[in-house]
Every structure is written in structure tokens, then in C-alpha cells.
Amino acid sequence: MGLMPWDYLLGPPFTNERGGFPDLALPLVIASGAFLVLQVILYNVQTRRLHRHFPLVNLQEWLLWTGLATFSLVLVSWFFRFYFIFPLTALVVGIATYLWIRFRRFPPLIEAYNQQLRRARFYSQQKYKHPEQTVRPKRSERSRRRRRR
């Protein structure tokens, strides 16, 4: 480490070779690949589990595309040996977007959806509150005779 910290941003390429970032490049690439695979698996599991709840599936889709873009950019920066400022910027913007989606964008939408589900459940309970409302009345003798003919 013979350069000043800010010289590393636009100085050596983002590689694990000598003169680059041997201590930082390989762990970031492995972590990005692992997070990319984990994000795809999590998306598949969660969308199958929550397929009836549109806002939750939509949240998972937003998180998938954000993770896919962020971690793929880190892998591409390593493969093409970009300056370190590019994968660093991709990680900072991607993680900030990830946090914004999870904690700012979707909680009001999920809360509104929960209110809608509570309202629908309440009206459903009111509709079938008395057992007589779910029992069909018996057919009259006259309608039974007509069916036999």
C-alpha cells in the first residue's frame, strides 16, 4: 500500500493481481456471486409462498432486480478490471436502493394491503355470523316430485 486512500479509487484496477486490490477484490467477488445466487433462490421461494399477495410478490421482484443489478455490476467490474470507484459506487447505490425499497417504499403499501385483508375478513365473518345463513333450506315436496318425472 504505497498510495494514498483516495488514489486507490482511480488508480489500480479492481483485480486480485499484484498492483490491484488483492486483499479486497476476491472477497468482494465471491460475496457478490454468493449474494446473487442467494437473491435468486430467495425470490423463487418467496414468490411461490406468497403468490396470492400481490404487494409482497412485488416487493420480492423489486429486491430481485436491485440485487441482480448491484451484484452483477460488481462481477462485471472485476471481470473487465474497472477502477475501484465503479464497484464501490455500484455497491453503495445498490445497498441504499435495497434499504429504500425495503424500509421506505413498500411498508405503506403492505400496510394498506393488510387493512384491505382485515376488512374483507371482517365482512366475511359478518356474512356468516349466524349458522342459519350457511344452511340451505329443504326442498318442498312439490319440487321433489317434479324432478322424479
N, C-alpha and C. Protein backbone atom coordinates (compact mmCIF):
# COMPACT_ATOMS: atom_id res chain seq x y z
N MET A 1 0.84 -1.17 0.00
CA MET A 1 0.00 0.00 0.00
C MET A 1 0.89 1.24 0.00
N GLY A 2 1.26 1.67 -1.16
CA GLY A 2 2.13 2.82 -1.27
C GLY A 2 1.38 4.07 -1.70
N LEU A 3 0.08 3.97 -1.98
CA LEU A 3 -0.70 5.12 -2.43
C LEU A 3 -1.58 5.64 -1.30
N MET A 4 -2.03 6.86 -1.45
CA MET A 4 -2.98 7.43 -0.52
C MET A 4 -4.35 6.78 -0.75
N PRO A 5 -5.23 6.77 0.24
CA PRO A 5 -6.51 6.08 0.08
C PRO A 5 -7.34 6.57 -1.10
N TRP A 6 -7.35 7.87 -1.38
CA TRP A 6 -8.15 8.37 -2.50
C TRP A 6 -7.52 8.04 -3.85
N ASP A 7 -6.22 7.74 -3.86
CA ASP A 7 -5.57 7.35 -5.11
C ASP A 7 -5.97 5.94 -5.54
N TYR A 8 -6.47 5.15 -4.62
CA TYR A 8 -6.91 3.81 -4.98
C TYR A 8 -8.23 3.82 -5.74
N LEU A 9 -9.00 4.89 -5.62
CA LEU A 9 -10.29 4.94 -6.31
C LEU A 9 -10.12 4.97 -7.82
N LEU A 10 -9.21 5.79 -8.32
CA LEU A 10 -9.00 5.89 -9.76
C LEU A 10 -7.63 5.37 -10.20
N GLY A 11 -6.93 4.73 -9.30
CA GLY A 11 -5.59 4.25 -9.62
C GLY A 11 -5.58 2.84 -10.17
N PRO A 12 -5.28 1.86 -9.34
CA PRO A 12 -5.15 0.49 -9.84
C PRO A 12 -6.51 -0.12 -10.18
N PRO A 13 -6.51 -1.09 -11.08
CA PRO A 13 -7.78 -1.73 -11.44
C PRO A 13 -8.28 -2.64 -10.32
N PHE A 14 -9.57 -2.96 -10.40
CA PHE A 14 -10.23 -3.80 -9.40
C PHE A 14 -9.98 -5.27 -9.76
N THR A 15 -8.80 -5.78 -9.41
CA THR A 15 -8.43 -7.18 -9.66
C THR A 15 -7.74 -7.73 -8.44
N ASN A 16 -7.51 -9.03 -8.46
CA ASN A 16 -6.78 -9.63 -7.35
C ASN A 16 -5.32 -9.85 -7.70
N GLU A 17 -4.85 -9.26 -8.79
CA GLU A 17 -3.45 -9.36 -9.19
C GLU A 17 -2.62 -8.33 -8.42
N ARG A 18 -1.32 -8.46 -8.55
CA ARG A 18 -0.43 -7.50 -7.89
C ARG A 18 -0.60 -6.13 -8.53
N GLY A 19 -0.66 -5.12 -7.71
CA GLY A 19 -0.86 -3.76 -8.20
C GLY A 19 -2.33 -3.38 -8.21
N GLY A 20 -3.18 -4.31 -7.91
CA GLY A 20 -4.61 -4.03 -7.85
C GLY A 20 -5.10 -4.05 -6.41
N PHE A 21 -6.13 -4.82 -6.17
CA PHE A 21 -6.69 -4.96 -4.84
C PHE A 21 -6.72 -6.43 -4.43
N PRO A 22 -5.58 -7.03 -4.17
CA PRO A 22 -5.59 -8.46 -3.87
C PRO A 22 -6.33 -8.79 -2.57
N ASP A 23 -6.32 -7.88 -1.60
CA ASP A 23 -7.00 -8.16 -0.33
C ASP A 23 -8.50 -7.94 -0.41
N LEU A 24 -8.94 -7.13 -1.33
CA LEU A 24 -10.34 -6.72 -1.37
C LEU A 24 -11.10 -7.30 -2.55
N ALA A 25 -10.45 -7.55 -3.66
CA ALA A 25 -11.14 -7.94 -4.89
C ALA A 25 -11.77 -9.32 -4.77
N LEU A 26 -11.01 -10.31 -4.40
CA LEU A 26 -11.53 -11.67 -4.37
C LEU A 26 -12.66 -11.85 -3.35
N PRO A 27 -12.55 -11.34 -2.12
CA PRO A 27 -13.69 -11.47 -1.20
C PRO A 27 -14.96 -10.77 -1.69
N LEU A 28 -14.80 -9.59 -2.32
CA LEU A 28 -15.97 -8.90 -2.85
C LEU A 28 -16.61 -9.66 -4.01
N VAL A 29 -15.80 -10.25 -4.85
CA VAL A 29 -16.33 -11.01 -5.98
C VAL A 29 -17.04 -12.27 -5.49
N ILE A 30 -16.45 -12.97 -4.55
CA ILE A 30 -17.09 -14.17 -4.00
C ILE A 30 -18.39 -13.81 -3.28
N ALA A 31 -18.37 -12.74 -2.49
CA ALA A 31 -19.57 -12.31 -1.79
C ALA A 31 -20.65 -11.87 -2.77
N SER A 32 -20.28 -11.17 -3.83
CA SER A 32 -21.26 -10.73 -4.82
C SER A 32 -21.89 -11.93 -5.53
N GLY A 33 -21.07 -12.90 -5.90
CA GLY A 33 -21.61 -14.10 -6.53
C GLY A 33 -22.54 -14.87 -5.60
N ALA A 34 -22.15 -14.98 -4.33
CA ALA A 34 -22.99 -15.69 -3.35
C ALA A 34 -24.30 -14.94 -3.12
N PHE A 35 -24.23 -13.61 -2.98
CA PHE A 35 -25.46 -12.83 -2.78
C PHE A 35 -26.36 -12.87 -4.01
N LEU A 36 -25.77 -12.92 -5.18
CA LEU A 36 -26.55 -13.01 -6.41
C LEU A 36 -27.33 -14.33 -6.46
N VAL A 37 -26.66 -15.43 -6.17
CA VAL A 37 -27.32 -16.74 -6.15
C VAL A 37 -28.37 -16.79 -5.04
N LEU A 38 -28.03 -16.27 -3.86
CA LEU A 38 -28.97 -16.25 -2.74
C LEU A 38 -30.20 -15.41 -3.06
N GLN A 39 -30.02 -14.30 -3.74
CA GLN A 39 -31.14 -13.44 -4.10
C GLN A 39 -32.11 -14.16 -5.04
N VAL A 40 -31.59 -14.87 -6.02
CA VAL A 40 -32.44 -15.60 -6.97
C VAL A 40 -33.18 -16.73 -6.25
N ILE A 41 -32.50 -17.45 -5.38
CA ILE A 41 -33.16 -18.54 -4.63
C ILE A 41 -34.24 -17.97 -3.72
N LEU A 42 -33.94 -16.89 -3.02
CA LEU A 42 -34.91 -16.26 -2.13
C LEU A 42 -36.12 -15.78 -2.90
N TYR A 43 -35.91 -15.20 -4.06
CA TYR A 43 -37.03 -14.74 -4.89
C TYR A 43 -37.93 -15.91 -5.29
N ASN A 44 -37.34 -17.01 -5.74
CA ASN A 44 -38.14 -18.16 -6.16
C ASN A 44 -38.94 -18.75 -5.01
N VAL A 45 -38.33 -18.86 -3.85
CA VAL A 45 -39.02 -19.43 -2.69
C VAL A 45 -40.15 -18.51 -2.23
N GLN A 46 -39.84 -17.22 -2.10
CA GLN A 46 -40.83 -16.28 -1.58
C GLN A 46 -42.01 -16.07 -2.53
N THR A 47 -41.77 -16.03 -3.82
CA THR A 47 -42.88 -15.81 -4.75
C THR A 47 -43.79 -17.03 -4.81
N ARG A 48 -43.25 -18.21 -4.65
CA ARG A 48 -44.12 -19.39 -4.59
C ARG A 48 -44.93 -19.40 -3.31
N ARG A 49 -44.32 -18.97 -2.23
CA ARG A 49 -45.00 -18.97 -0.94
C ARG A 49 -46.07 -17.88 -0.85
N LEU A 50 -45.81 -16.73 -1.44
CA LEU A 50 -46.69 -15.57 -1.29
C LEU A 50 -47.41 -15.21 -2.59
N HIS A 51 -47.66 -16.18 -3.45
CA HIS A 51 -48.18 -15.87 -4.78
C HIS A 51 -49.56 -15.20 -4.76
N ARG A 52 -50.30 -15.31 -3.69
CA ARG A 52 -51.64 -14.70 -3.62
C ARG A 52 -51.61 -13.25 -3.14
N HIS A 53 -50.48 -12.82 -2.63
CA HIS A 53 -50.38 -11.48 -2.04
C HIS A 53 -49.53 -10.61 -2.95
N PHE A 54 -50.19 -9.83 -3.78
CA PHE A 54 -49.50 -9.05 -4.82
C PHE A 54 -48.45 -8.09 -4.27
N PRO A 55 -48.71 -7.30 -3.23
CA PRO A 55 -47.67 -6.36 -2.77
C PRO A 55 -46.40 -7.07 -2.28
N LEU A 56 -46.54 -8.22 -1.68
CA LEU A 56 -45.36 -8.94 -1.19
C LEU A 56 -44.57 -9.55 -2.34
N VAL A 57 -45.26 -10.02 -3.36
CA VAL A 57 -44.57 -10.53 -4.55
C VAL A 57 -43.88 -9.38 -5.27
N ASN A 58 -44.55 -8.24 -5.33
CA ASN A 58 -43.97 -7.06 -5.97
C ASN A 58 -42.71 -6.60 -5.22
N LEU A 59 -42.74 -6.64 -3.90
CA LEU A 59 -41.56 -6.31 -3.10
C LEU A 59 -40.41 -7.25 -3.43
N GLN A 60 -40.69 -8.54 -3.50
CA GLN A 60 -39.64 -9.50 -3.82
C GLN A 60 -39.06 -9.26 -5.21
N GLU A 61 -39.92 -8.86 -6.14
CA GLU A 61 -39.44 -8.59 -7.50
C GLU A 61 -38.52 -7.37 -7.53
N TRP A 62 -38.89 -6.33 -6.81
CA TRP A 62 -38.04 -5.14 -6.74
C TRP A 62 -36.69 -5.49 -6.11
N LEU A 63 -36.73 -6.27 -5.05
CA LEU A 63 -35.48 -6.66 -4.39
C LEU A 63 -34.63 -7.53 -5.31
N LEU A 64 -35.27 -8.40 -6.08
CA LEU A 64 -34.52 -9.25 -7.01
C LEU A 64 -33.78 -8.41 -8.04
N TRP A 65 -34.48 -7.48 -8.68
CA TRP A 65 -33.84 -6.70 -9.74
C TRP A 65 -32.77 -5.78 -9.19
N THR A 66 -32.97 -5.25 -7.99
CA THR A 66 -31.94 -4.41 -7.37
C THR A 66 -30.70 -5.24 -7.06
N GLY A 67 -30.90 -6.40 -6.45
CA GLY A 67 -29.76 -7.27 -6.14
C GLY A 67 -29.07 -7.78 -7.38
N LEU A 68 -29.85 -8.12 -8.39
CA LEU A 68 -29.28 -8.61 -9.65
C LEU A 68 -28.40 -7.53 -10.30
N ALA A 69 -28.90 -6.31 -10.35
CA ALA A 69 -28.12 -5.22 -10.96
C ALA A 69 -26.87 -4.90 -10.14
N THR A 70 -27.02 -4.81 -8.84
CA THR A 70 -25.89 -4.43 -7.98
C THR A 70 -24.77 -5.47 -8.02
N PHE A 71 -25.11 -6.71 -7.76
CA PHE A 71 -24.08 -7.73 -7.66
C PHE A 71 -23.51 -8.11 -9.02
N SER A 72 -24.32 -7.99 -10.06
CA SER A 72 -23.79 -8.24 -11.41
C SER A 72 -22.80 -7.15 -11.81
N LEU A 73 -23.07 -5.90 -11.43
CA LEU A 73 -22.13 -4.83 -11.74
C LEU A 73 -20.78 -5.03 -11.05
N VAL A 74 -20.81 -5.54 -9.84
CA VAL A 74 -19.54 -5.81 -9.15
C VAL A 74 -18.77 -6.91 -9.88
N LEU A 75 -19.47 -7.95 -10.31
CA LEU A 75 -18.81 -9.04 -11.04
C LEU A 75 -18.26 -8.57 -12.39
N VAL A 76 -19.04 -7.74 -13.09
CA VAL A 76 -18.58 -7.20 -14.37
C VAL A 76 -17.37 -6.28 -14.17
N SER A 77 -17.39 -5.48 -13.10
CA SER A 77 -16.25 -4.59 -12.82
C SER A 77 -14.98 -5.39 -12.55
N TRP A 78 -15.13 -6.51 -11.89
CA TRP A 78 -13.96 -7.35 -11.62
C TRP A 78 -13.47 -8.01 -12.91
N PHE A 79 -14.42 -8.50 -13.71
CA PHE A 79 -14.05 -9.21 -14.94
C PHE A 79 -13.34 -8.29 -15.93
N PHE A 80 -13.84 -7.06 -16.08
CA PHE A 80 -13.25 -6.12 -17.03
C PHE A 80 -12.22 -5.18 -16.40
N ARG A 81 -11.89 -5.38 -15.15
CA ARG A 81 -10.85 -4.64 -14.45
C ARG A 81 -11.09 -3.12 -14.43
N PHE A 82 -12.28 -2.75 -14.01
CA PHE A 82 -12.59 -1.32 -13.88
C PHE A 82 -11.84 -0.74 -12.69
N TYR A 83 -11.82 0.59 -12.63
CA TYR A 83 -11.28 1.25 -11.45
C TYR A 83 -12.16 0.91 -10.26
N PHE A 84 -11.59 0.97 -9.07
CA PHE A 84 -12.31 0.57 -7.86
C PHE A 84 -13.51 1.46 -7.56
N ILE A 85 -13.53 2.68 -8.08
CA ILE A 85 -14.65 3.57 -7.80
C ILE A 85 -15.96 3.05 -8.39
N PHE A 86 -15.89 2.29 -9.48
CA PHE A 86 -17.12 1.78 -10.10
C PHE A 86 -17.79 0.69 -9.28
N PRO A 87 -17.09 -0.37 -8.85
CA PRO A 87 -17.78 -1.34 -7.99
C PRO A 87 -18.17 -0.75 -6.63
N LEU A 88 -17.37 0.18 -6.12
CA LEU A 88 -17.71 0.82 -4.86
C LEU A 88 -19.00 1.62 -4.99
N THR A 89 -19.12 2.38 -6.08
CA THR A 89 -20.34 3.16 -6.33
C THR A 89 -21.53 2.23 -6.53
N ALA A 90 -21.34 1.15 -7.27
CA ALA A 90 -22.43 0.20 -7.50
C ALA A 90 -22.91 -0.40 -6.18
N LEU A 91 -21.99 -0.75 -5.31
CA LEU A 91 -22.37 -1.31 -4.02
C LEU A 91 -23.10 -0.30 -3.14
N VAL A 92 -22.59 0.91 -3.08
CA VAL A 92 -23.21 1.93 -2.22
C VAL A 92 -24.61 2.27 -2.73
N VAL A 93 -24.74 2.51 -4.03
CA VAL A 93 -26.06 2.85 -4.59
C VAL A 93 -27.01 1.66 -4.50
N GLY A 94 -26.51 0.47 -4.78
CA GLY A 94 -27.36 -0.72 -4.73
C GLY A 94 -27.87 -1.02 -3.33
N ILE A 95 -26.99 -0.93 -2.35
CA ILE A 95 -27.42 -1.21 -0.97
C ILE A 95 -28.35 -0.11 -0.47
N ALA A 96 -28.09 1.14 -0.84
CA ALA A 96 -29.00 2.23 -0.46
C ALA A 96 -30.37 2.03 -1.10
N THR A 97 -30.41 1.61 -2.35
CA THR A 97 -31.68 1.34 -3.03
C THR A 97 -32.39 0.16 -2.38
N TYR A 98 -31.64 -0.85 -2.05
CA TYR A 98 -32.19 -2.02 -1.38
C TYR A 98 -32.87 -1.62 -0.06
N LEU A 99 -32.19 -0.81 0.74
CA LEU A 99 -32.76 -0.35 2.01
C LEU A 99 -33.97 0.55 1.80
N TRP A 100 -33.92 1.41 0.79
CA TRP A 100 -35.05 2.29 0.49
C TRP A 100 -36.28 1.47 0.10
N ILE A 101 -36.08 0.47 -0.74
CA ILE A 101 -37.20 -0.37 -1.16
C ILE A 101 -37.81 -1.07 0.05
N ARG A 102 -36.98 -1.65 0.88
CA ARG A 102 -37.47 -2.48 1.98
C ARG A 102 -38.10 -1.67 3.10
N PHE A 103 -37.54 -0.48 3.40
CA PHE A 103 -37.99 0.24 4.58
C PHE A 103 -38.76 1.53 4.29
N ARG A 104 -38.75 2.03 3.05
CA ARG A 104 -39.46 3.27 2.75
C ARG A 104 -40.56 3.07 1.71
N ARG A 105 -40.31 2.34 0.66
CA ARG A 105 -41.24 2.24 -0.45
C ARG A 105 -42.41 1.30 -0.14
N PHE A 106 -42.13 0.12 0.37
CA PHE A 106 -43.17 -0.89 0.48
C PHE A 106 -43.92 -0.97 1.80
N PRO A 107 -43.42 -0.54 2.93
CA PRO A 107 -44.23 -0.64 4.15
C PRO A 107 -45.60 0.04 4.08
N PRO A 108 -45.76 1.24 3.49
CA PRO A 108 -47.12 1.78 3.38
C PRO A 108 -48.03 0.94 2.48
N LEU A 109 -47.48 0.39 1.41
CA LEU A 109 -48.28 -0.44 0.52
C LEU A 109 -48.70 -1.74 1.20
N ILE A 110 -47.80 -2.31 1.97
CA ILE A 110 -48.12 -3.55 2.68
C ILE A 110 -49.14 -3.28 3.79
N GLU A 111 -49.02 -2.15 4.45
CA GLU A 111 -49.98 -1.79 5.49
C GLU A 111 -51.38 -1.59 4.90
N ALA A 112 -51.47 -0.93 3.76
CA ALA A 112 -52.77 -0.75 3.10
C ALA A 112 -53.35 -2.10 2.67
N TYR A 113 -52.51 -2.98 2.20
CA TYR A 113 -52.98 -4.32 1.81
C TYR A 113 -53.46 -5.10 3.03
N ASN A 114 -52.77 -4.98 4.16
CA ASN A 114 -53.22 -5.65 5.38
C ASN A 114 -54.57 -5.11 5.84
N GLN A 115 -54.78 -3.80 5.72
CA GLN A 115 -56.08 -3.22 6.06
C GLN A 115 -57.18 -3.78 5.16
N GLN A 116 -56.88 -3.92 3.89
CA GLN A 116 -57.85 -4.48 2.95
C GLN A 116 -58.18 -5.93 3.32
N LEU A 117 -57.18 -6.71 3.69
CA LEU A 117 -57.43 -8.10 4.10
C LEU A 117 -58.25 -8.16 5.38
N ARG A 118 -57.96 -7.28 6.34
CA ARG A 118 -58.75 -7.25 7.58
C ARG A 118 -60.20 -6.89 7.30
N ARG A 119 -60.41 -5.91 6.43
CA ARG A 119 -61.77 -5.51 6.08
C ARG A 119 -62.52 -6.66 5.41
N ALA A 120 -61.88 -7.34 4.49
CA ALA A 120 -62.52 -8.46 3.80
C ALA A 120 -62.83 -9.59 4.78
N ARG A 121 -61.93 -9.86 5.71
CA ARG A 121 -62.17 -10.90 6.71
C ARG A 121 -63.33 -10.52 7.63
N PHE A 122 -63.42 -9.25 8.01
CA PHE A 122 -64.50 -8.79 8.88
C PHE A 122 -65.84 -8.95 8.18
N TYR A 123 -65.95 -8.53 6.92
CA TYR A 123 -67.21 -8.66 6.20
C TYR A 123 -67.58 -10.12 5.97
N SER A 124 -66.59 -10.95 5.77
CA SER A 124 -66.85 -12.38 5.61
C SER A 124 -67.39 -12.97 6.91
N GLN A 125 -66.85 -12.55 8.03
CA GLN A 125 -67.34 -13.05 9.32
C GLN A 125 -68.75 -12.55 9.59
N GLN A 126 -69.05 -11.32 9.20
CA GLN A 126 -70.39 -10.79 9.42
C GLN A 126 -71.41 -11.52 8.55
N LYS A 127 -71.00 -11.88 7.37
CA LYS A 127 -71.92 -12.53 6.43
C LYS A 127 -72.34 -13.91 6.95
N TYR A 128 -71.41 -14.62 7.56
CA TYR A 128 -71.69 -15.98 8.03
C TYR A 128 -71.69 -16.06 9.55
N LYS A 129 -72.17 -15.01 10.19
CA LYS A 129 -72.15 -14.97 11.64
C LYS A 129 -73.14 -15.95 12.25
N HIS A 130 -74.33 -16.05 11.67
CA HIS A 130 -75.36 -16.96 12.18
C HIS A 130 -75.32 -18.25 11.39
N PRO A 131 -75.41 -19.39 12.06
CA PRO A 131 -75.32 -20.67 11.35
C PRO A 131 -76.46 -20.89 10.36
N GLU A 132 -77.60 -20.27 10.59
CA GLU A 132 -78.73 -20.46 9.68
C GLU A 132 -78.45 -19.91 8.29
N GLN A 133 -77.53 -18.98 8.20
CA GLN A 133 -77.24 -18.38 6.91
C GLN A 133 -76.42 -19.31 6.01
N THR A 134 -75.80 -20.30 6.59
CA THR A 134 -74.99 -21.22 5.78
C THR A 134 -75.72 -22.51 5.45
N VAL A 135 -76.89 -22.73 6.07
CA VAL A 135 -77.64 -23.97 5.84
C VAL A 135 -78.66 -23.71 4.75
N ARG A 136 -78.72 -24.61 3.79
CA ARG A 136 -79.70 -24.47 2.72
C ARG A 136 -81.08 -24.92 3.23
N PRO A 137 -82.10 -24.24 2.78
CA PRO A 137 -83.45 -24.69 3.18
C PRO A 137 -83.81 -25.99 2.47
N LYS A 138 -84.66 -26.78 3.11
CA LYS A 138 -85.09 -28.03 2.50
C LYS A 138 -86.00 -27.75 1.31
N ARG A 139 -85.97 -28.67 0.37
CA ARG A 139 -86.85 -28.53 -0.79
C ARG A 139 -88.27 -28.93 -0.41
N SER A 140 -89.16 -28.32 -1.07
CA SER A 140 -90.56 -28.68 -0.80
C SER A 140 -90.89 -30.00 -1.49
N GLU A 141 -91.97 -30.62 -1.07
CA GLU A 141 -92.39 -31.90 -1.65
C GLU A 141 -92.72 -31.75 -3.12
N ARG A 142 -93.26 -30.66 -3.46
CA ARG A 142 -93.69 -30.43 -4.84
C ARG A 142 -92.49 -30.42 -5.80
N SER A 143 -91.38 -29.78 -5.40
CA SER A 143 -90.21 -29.73 -6.28
C SER A 143 -89.54 -31.10 -6.38
N ARG A 144 -89.65 -31.91 -5.35
CA ARG A 144 -89.08 -33.26 -5.41
C ARG A 144 -89.84 -34.13 -6.41
N ARG A 145 -91.16 -34.00 -6.42
CA ARG A 145 -91.98 -34.80 -7.34
C ARG A 145 -91.70 -34.42 -8.79
N ARG A 146 -91.46 -33.18 -9.05
CA ARG A 146 -91.20 -32.74 -10.42
C ARG A 146 -89.89 -33.32 -10.93
N ARG A 147 -88.93 -33.43 -10.08
CA ARG A 147 -87.62 -33.94 -10.51
C ARG A 147 -87.68 -35.42 -10.83
N ARG A 148 -88.52 -36.17 -10.18
CA ARG A 148 -88.60 -37.61 -10.41
C ARG A 148 -89.17 -37.93 -11.78
N ARG A 149 -89.97 -37.10 -12.32
CA ARG A 149 -90.63 -37.37 -13.59
C ARG A 149 -89.70 -37.35 -14.71
